[in-house]
């Protein structure tokens, strides 16, 4: 058995470099030996930061390197399917960031080929590896709060929307950009699939694009009915300006669990004006820094021990199903049944 899994990062953008730093510095049983990005400026900057021995502008060349055991796919979503299929056919294990693919058919294809070729496929829902979200799941499993009745999750992000995000039929808006993590969290907590979804969205923060993009929304609320009767709610927002906010609540028949915090630290300043002030978390990169490392450790361990990934291709597919159904609900202004899963 190998002592270390040799890894290539495909996609050296902002999110990709989080993974690059994890694998080059903190994941003990992995070695980052290659990076790949079609943008030569991205590639040069990444090479300066992580100093790997192999660099590629074409992912097809990555597949020819027999020293590479696994790839980390952090490209735009439209490329996920072709890269994952190529990696599986080359016998390389795959970690793929969310969203998994463009549609369910691509997800099914990715799952099928990875299974046929005997390679691991893990999806990038890092909240499952955050110690606070994990403790929430442990409390559910312990039965300490009784039977779960209501689940809540929110993701509010501070970033100003890019121009491509205004067309929600391709970007999905917050439901796809930020709430896919919430969908995965609530499926995980509920231990069940969703029966029905009803979502409402409006544009509050970018009024200047309302005429050109009347369907764009920056704020949404989602109501979920699970097959086991649990009710779930999700709130999503972009460009909130007050910081990055990702939290959850679990209401049971015997108690309540609150997961996560908006505070950047445990320091509060009380002023003579009787104001209680604390710093806000500014980014998902800082809030989930440890979770990204734990996520990477888990991926490598499942390869070394021939185990099942903690977040599977099916989990990635089901998050995408909910994203699509949620957007349909917003655009058609009606509840949507989730069937066939």
Protein backbone atom coordinates (compact mmCIF):
# COMPACT_ATOMS: atom_id res chain seq x y z
CA UNK A 1 0.00 0.00 0.00
CA UNK A 2 1.22 3.52 -0.82
CA UNK A 3 2.39 5.78 1.98
CA UNK A 4 1.24 8.90 0.16
CA UNK A 5 -1.29 9.71 -2.53
CA UNK A 6 0.12 11.98 -5.24
CA UNK A 7 -2.33 14.67 -6.23
CA UNK A 8 -2.91 17.17 -9.04
CA UNK A 9 -5.07 20.28 -8.63
CA UNK A 10 -7.08 21.17 -11.74
CA UNK A 11 -8.27 24.75 -11.46
CA UNK A 12 -6.03 27.33 -9.75
CA UNK A 13 -8.55 30.04 -8.97
CA UNK A 14 -9.54 31.36 -5.56
CA UNK A 15 -11.26 28.16 -4.38
CA UNK A 16 -8.68 25.94 -6.03
CA UNK A 17 -5.83 27.52 -4.11
CA UNK A 18 -7.52 26.68 -0.81
CA UNK A 19 -7.19 23.03 -1.78
CA UNK A 20 -3.64 23.58 -3.07
CA UNK A 21 -2.55 24.98 0.28
CA UNK A 22 -4.24 22.14 2.17
CA UNK A 23 -2.57 19.42 0.11
CA UNK A 24 0.84 21.09 -0.02
CA UNK A 25 1.04 21.95 3.69
CA UNK A 26 -1.38 20.09 5.94
CA UNK A 27 -2.55 16.74 4.54
CA UNK A 28 -0.01 14.29 5.89
CA UNK A 29 -0.72 11.34 3.60
CA UNK A 30 -0.85 13.33 0.36
CA UNK A 31 1.67 15.09 -1.86
CA UNK A 32 0.69 17.82 -4.30
CA UNK A 33 2.91 17.13 -7.30
CA UNK A 34 1.06 18.95 -10.09
CA UNK A 35 -1.27 21.84 -10.87
CA UNK A 36 -3.28 22.57 -14.00
CA UNK A 37 -5.05 25.69 -15.29
CA UNK A 38 -5.59 26.98 -18.85
CA UNK A 39 -4.93 30.54 -17.64
CA UNK A 40 -1.15 30.95 -17.61
CA UNK A 41 -1.27 33.86 -15.17
CA UNK A 42 -3.24 31.76 -12.67
CA UNK A 43 -0.83 28.91 -13.22
CA UNK A 44 2.25 31.07 -12.68
CA UNK A 45 0.85 32.59 -9.48
CA UNK A 46 -0.09 29.15 -8.16
CA UNK A 47 3.34 27.72 -9.00
CA UNK A 48 5.02 30.53 -7.07
CA UNK A 49 2.84 29.81 -4.05
CA UNK A 50 3.00 25.99 -3.85
CA UNK A 51 6.14 25.18 -5.89
CA UNK A 52 5.04 21.90 -7.46
CA UNK A 53 7.16 19.98 -9.93
CA UNK A 54 4.62 19.56 -12.73
CA UNK A 55 2.45 22.26 -14.33
CA UNK A 56 -0.11 21.84 -17.10
CA UNK A 57 -2.39 24.08 -19.14
CA UNK A 58 -4.38 21.14 -20.54
CA UNK A 59 -6.09 18.66 -18.21
CA UNK A 60 -5.71 15.93 -20.84
CA UNK A 61 -1.95 16.02 -20.28
CA UNK A 62 -2.53 15.46 -16.55
CA UNK A 63 -4.17 12.13 -17.32
CA UNK A 64 -1.02 10.89 -19.05
CA UNK A 65 1.10 11.30 -15.90
CA UNK A 66 1.07 7.89 -14.25
CA UNK A 67 2.57 9.26 -11.05
CA UNK A 68 -0.65 11.16 -10.31
CA UNK A 69 -3.04 9.07 -8.20
CA UNK A 70 -5.86 11.59 -7.71
CA UNK A 71 -7.15 14.88 -9.07
CA UNK A 72 -8.90 17.76 -7.32
CA UNK A 73 -11.35 19.36 -9.76
CA UNK A 74 -12.05 23.02 -8.99
CA UNK A 75 -12.88 24.36 -12.45
CA UNK A 76 -16.04 26.10 -13.69
CA UNK A 77 -18.94 23.66 -13.39
CA UNK A 78 -19.40 23.20 -17.14
CA UNK A 79 -16.04 21.39 -17.29
CA UNK A 80 -16.58 19.01 -14.36
CA UNK A 81 -18.18 16.20 -16.33
CA UNK A 82 -15.50 15.88 -19.00
CA UNK A 83 -12.61 16.18 -16.54
CA UNK A 84 -14.04 13.66 -14.06
CA UNK A 85 -14.76 11.15 -16.84
CA UNK A 86 -11.23 11.57 -18.21
CA UNK A 87 -9.73 11.11 -14.75
CA UNK A 88 -11.78 7.97 -14.06
CA UNK A 89 -10.79 6.49 -17.41
CA UNK A 90 -7.15 7.19 -16.51
CA UNK A 91 -7.60 5.34 -13.20
CA UNK A 92 -7.29 8.47 -11.05
CA UNK A 93 -9.40 9.08 -7.96
CA UNK A 94 -11.49 12.25 -8.03
CA UNK A 95 -12.43 14.99 -5.62
CA UNK A 96 -14.91 17.32 -7.34
CA UNK A 97 -16.07 20.66 -6.02
CA UNK A 98 -19.73 21.59 -6.02
CA UNK A 99 -21.88 22.05 -8.05
CA UNK A 100 -21.18 18.54 -9.28
CA UNK A 101 -22.27 19.12 -12.89
CA UNK A 102 -24.68 20.95 -15.19
CA UNK A 103 -27.50 18.41 -14.93
CA UNK A 104 -28.53 15.08 -13.40
CA UNK A 105 -27.56 13.12 -16.50
CA UNK A 106 -23.96 14.31 -16.21
CA UNK A 107 -23.98 13.40 -12.50
CA UNK A 108 -25.24 9.88 -13.26
CA UNK A 109 -22.56 9.48 -15.92
CA UNK A 110 -19.81 10.61 -13.57
CA UNK A 111 -21.00 8.25 -10.82
CA UNK A 112 -21.29 5.32 -13.24
CA UNK A 113 -17.86 5.69 -14.84
CA UNK A 114 -16.07 6.19 -11.53
CA UNK A 115 -17.72 3.03 -10.22
CA UNK A 116 -16.87 1.06 -13.35
CA UNK A 117 -13.23 2.13 -13.22
CA UNK A 118 -12.94 1.48 -9.49
CA UNK A 119 -11.96 5.01 -8.48
CA UNK A 120 -13.26 7.08 -5.57
CA UNK A 121 -15.48 10.08 -6.22
CA UNK A 122 -15.92 12.58 -3.39
CA UNK A 123 -17.87 15.85 -3.53
CA UNK A 124 -16.83 19.13 -1.96
CA UNK A 125 -19.35 19.85 0.80
CA UNK A 126 -16.89 20.93 3.47
CA UNK A 127 -19.51 21.71 6.14
CA UNK A 128 -19.76 17.99 6.82
CA UNK A 129 -16.15 18.22 8.03
CA UNK A 130 -16.56 21.32 10.20
CA UNK A 131 -16.41 20.41 13.90
CA UNK A 132 -19.49 22.48 14.76
CA UNK A 133 -21.68 21.03 12.02
CA UNK A 134 -20.39 17.56 12.89
CA UNK A 135 -21.37 18.09 16.53
CA UNK A 136 -24.86 19.03 15.38
CA UNK A 137 -25.14 15.71 13.56
CA UNK A 138 -23.77 13.85 16.58
CA UNK A 139 -26.45 15.39 18.82
CA UNK A 140 -29.16 14.31 16.36
CA UNK A 141 -27.79 10.76 16.31
CA UNK A 142 -27.55 10.63 20.11
CA UNK A 143 -31.26 11.31 20.55
CA UNK A 144 -30.55 13.92 23.23
CA UNK A 145 -32.99 16.42 21.71
CA UNK A 146 -35.59 13.82 20.88
CA UNK A 147 -37.17 13.49 17.46
CA UNK A 148 -36.06 16.12 14.95
CA UNK A 149 -39.00 18.26 13.78
CA UNK A 150 -37.55 21.40 12.18
CA UNK A 151 -34.23 22.16 10.51
CA UNK A 152 -32.95 25.61 9.58
CA UNK A 153 -29.86 26.62 7.63
CA UNK A 154 -28.61 29.88 6.17
CA UNK A 155 -25.83 31.13 3.98
CA UNK A 156 -25.41 34.88 3.49
CA UNK A 157 -22.37 35.98 1.51
CA UNK A 158 -20.81 39.47 1.31
CA UNK A 159 -19.41 39.35 -2.23
CA UNK A 160 -20.79 41.70 -4.87
CA UNK A 161 -22.34 39.62 -7.67
CA UNK A 162 -20.33 39.25 -10.86
CA UNK A 163 -21.98 40.16 -14.16
CA UNK A 164 -22.46 36.52 -15.17
CA UNK A 165 -24.52 35.84 -12.03
CA UNK A 166 -27.41 38.08 -13.10
CA UNK A 167 -28.67 35.48 -15.59
CA UNK A 168 -30.09 33.04 -13.04
CA UNK A 169 -31.01 30.47 -15.68
CA UNK A 170 -27.28 29.78 -16.02
CA UNK A 171 -25.92 30.88 -12.62
CA UNK A 172 -28.96 29.74 -10.56
CA UNK A 173 -28.49 32.74 -8.26
CA UNK A 174 -28.00 32.26 -4.49
CA UNK A 175 -29.83 28.92 -4.53
CA UNK A 176 -26.96 27.50 -6.58
CA UNK A 177 -24.10 29.74 -5.58
CA UNK A 178 -24.46 29.54 -1.80
CA UNK A 179 -27.45 27.39 -0.79
CA UNK A 180 -26.23 24.11 -2.30
CA UNK A 181 -24.27 23.76 0.96
CA UNK A 182 -27.47 24.27 2.94
CA UNK A 183 -29.31 21.66 0.88
CA UNK A 184 -26.56 19.15 1.60
CA UNK A 185 -26.48 20.03 5.30
CA UNK A 186 -30.23 19.55 5.75
CA UNK A 187 -30.28 16.27 3.78
CA UNK A 188 -27.45 15.08 6.04
CA UNK A 189 -29.22 16.19 9.21
CA UNK A 190 -32.64 14.88 8.15
CA UNK A 191 -31.26 11.53 6.99
CA UNK A 192 -33.88 11.64 4.28
CA UNK A 193 -34.69 13.01 0.83
CA UNK A 194 -36.88 16.01 0.09
CA UNK A 195 -40.49 15.50 -0.96
CA UNK A 196 -41.46 19.08 -1.84
CA UNK A 197 -39.73 22.44 -2.18
CA UNK A 198 -41.12 25.98 -2.29
CA UNK A 199 -38.78 28.91 -2.83
CA UNK A 200 -39.30 32.67 -3.09
CA UNK A 201 -36.65 35.12 -4.27
CA UNK A 202 -36.35 38.88 -4.81
CA UNK A 203 -33.71 41.40 -5.89
CA UNK A 204 -33.09 43.91 -3.10
CA UNK A 205 -29.43 44.90 -3.51
CA UNK A 206 -28.92 45.32 -7.26
CA UNK A 207 -31.88 47.43 -8.42
CA UNK A 208 -29.85 48.72 -11.38
CA UNK A 209 -30.15 45.34 -13.16
CA UNK A 210 -33.87 44.78 -12.62
CA UNK A 211 -34.85 45.96 -16.09
CA UNK A 212 -32.24 43.90 -17.95
CA UNK A 213 -32.46 40.88 -15.63
CA UNK A 214 -36.00 40.81 -14.19
CA UNK A 215 -35.55 37.22 -12.92
CA UNK A 216 -32.41 37.98 -10.90
CA UNK A 217 -32.74 37.63 -7.14
CA UNK A 218 -30.16 38.18 -4.41
CA UNK A 219 -32.28 36.97 -1.48
CA UNK A 220 -34.36 33.84 -1.13
CA UNK A 221 -36.23 31.72 1.38
CA UNK A 222 -36.75 28.00 0.78
CA UNK A 223 -39.27 25.71 2.50
CA UNK A 224 -38.54 21.98 2.38
CA UNK A 225 -40.76 19.05 3.27
CA UNK A 226 -38.81 15.83 3.80
CA UNK A 227 -40.25 12.39 3.14
CA UNK A 228 -39.99 11.53 6.84
CA UNK A 229 -42.09 14.56 7.82
CA UNK A 230 -39.28 16.86 8.97
CA UNK A 231 -39.70 20.48 7.87
CA UNK A 232 -36.72 22.53 6.72
CA UNK A 233 -36.11 26.19 5.97
CA UNK A 234 -33.18 27.80 4.20
CA UNK A 235 -32.34 31.46 3.71
CA UNK A 236 -29.84 32.62 1.14
CA UNK A 237 -28.45 36.03 0.26
CA UNK A 238 -25.63 37.59 -1.73
CA UNK A 239 -23.95 40.97 -1.24
CA UNK A 240 -25.06 41.29 2.39
CA UNK A 241 -22.00 43.42 3.30
CA UNK A 242 -22.06 42.56 7.04
CA UNK A 243 -19.82 39.51 6.62
CA UNK A 244 -20.05 35.82 5.80
CA UNK A 245 -22.78 34.00 7.68
CA UNK A 246 -23.32 30.22 7.69
CA UNK A 247 -25.30 28.68 10.54
CA UNK A 248 -27.89 26.02 11.29
CA UNK A 249 -30.53 25.13 13.89
CA UNK A 250 -31.97 21.75 14.80
CA UNK A 251 -35.26 21.70 16.71
CA UNK A 252 -36.26 18.43 18.36
CA UNK A 253 -39.13 17.34 20.58
CA UNK A 254 -36.83 17.63 23.62
CA UNK A 255 -34.45 20.43 22.77
CA UNK A 256 -32.70 22.75 20.33
CA UNK A 257 -29.21 22.79 18.80
CA UNK A 258 -27.65 25.96 17.39
CA UNK A 259 -24.74 25.31 15.04
CA UNK A 260 -22.12 27.88 14.06
CA UNK A 261 -21.49 31.51 14.92
CA UNK A 262 -21.30 34.86 13.18
CA UNK A 263 -18.46 36.01 15.43
CA UNK A 264 -14.91 35.98 14.10
CA UNK A 265 -13.60 35.38 17.63
CA UNK A 266 -14.72 35.24 21.25
CA UNK A 267 -13.85 38.88 22.02
CA UNK A 268 -16.62 41.38 22.73
CA UNK A 269 -16.13 45.08 23.39
CA UNK A 270 -18.61 46.83 25.68
CA UNK A 271 -18.50 50.63 25.30
CA UNK A 272 -19.66 53.41 27.59
CA UNK A 273 -22.58 53.90 25.21
CA UNK A 274 -23.70 50.44 26.34
CA UNK A 275 -22.94 48.96 22.92
CA UNK A 276 -21.85 45.34 22.69
CA UNK A 277 -19.50 44.98 19.68
CA UNK A 278 -17.83 41.91 18.20
CA UNK A 279 -16.07 41.26 14.88
CA UNK A 280 -17.94 39.45 12.11
CA UNK A 281 -16.60 36.53 10.06
CA UNK A 282 -15.45 38.04 6.77
CA UNK A 283 -15.11 34.99 4.50
CA UNK A 284 -15.94 31.32 4.02
CA UNK A 285 -12.21 30.81 3.49
CA UNK A 286 -11.49 31.72 7.12
CA UNK A 287 -14.64 30.21 8.66
CA UNK A 288 -14.08 26.77 7.11
CA UNK A 289 -10.26 26.72 6.89
CA UNK A 290 -9.96 23.69 9.17
CA UNK A 291 -12.89 21.95 7.48
CA UNK A 292 -11.13 22.08 4.12
CA UNK A 293 -8.13 20.28 5.60
CA UNK A 294 -10.33 17.67 7.30
CA UNK A 295 -12.20 17.18 4.03
CA UNK A 296 -8.92 16.55 2.20
CA UNK A 297 -7.72 14.16 4.92
CA UNK A 298 -10.96 12.21 4.58
CA UNK A 299 -10.59 11.91 0.80
CA UNK A 300 -7.03 10.64 1.06
CA UNK A 301 -7.90 8.18 3.82
CA UNK A 302 -10.76 6.68 1.83
CA UNK A 303 -8.31 6.06 -1.03
CA UNK A 304 -5.63 4.52 1.21
CA UNK A 305 -8.12 2.37 3.12
CA UNK A 306 -10.43 1.59 0.18
CA UNK A 307 -13.36 3.12 2.06
CA UNK A 308 -16.49 4.96 0.99
CA UNK A 309 -16.20 8.76 0.60
CA UNK A 310 -18.07 10.62 3.32
CA UNK A 311 -19.73 12.79 0.67
CA UNK A 312 -20.62 10.71 -2.38
CA UNK A 313 -21.48 11.42 -5.98
CA UNK A 314 -25.10 10.74 -5.07
CA UNK A 315 -24.94 13.51 -2.46
CA UNK A 316 -23.63 15.85 -5.14
CA UNK A 317 -26.39 14.84 -7.53
CA UNK A 318 -29.16 15.35 -4.95
CA UNK A 319 -27.90 18.82 -4.05
CA UNK A 320 -28.09 19.68 -7.75
CA UNK A 321 -31.62 18.25 -7.97
CA UNK A 322 -32.68 20.62 -5.18
CA UNK A 323 -30.92 23.59 -6.76
CA UNK A 324 -32.79 23.00 -10.04
CA UNK A 325 -36.12 22.44 -8.29
CA UNK A 326 -35.61 25.51 -6.10
CA UNK A 327 -34.90 27.74 -9.09
CA UNK A 328 -37.93 26.32 -10.89
CA UNK A 329 -40.04 27.14 -7.84
CA UNK A 330 -38.78 30.73 -7.79
CA UNK A 331 -39.28 31.31 -11.52
CA UNK A 332 -42.69 29.62 -11.71
CA UNK A 333 -43.83 30.95 -8.32
CA UNK A 334 -45.13 27.61 -7.06
CA UNK A 335 -44.14 24.59 -4.95
CA UNK A 336 -42.30 21.82 -6.81
CA UNK A 337 -42.56 18.09 -6.06
CA UNK A 338 -39.31 16.10 -5.97
CA UNK A 339 -39.95 12.69 -7.51
CA UNK A 340 -37.99 9.68 -8.68
CA UNK A 341 -35.20 9.82 -6.06
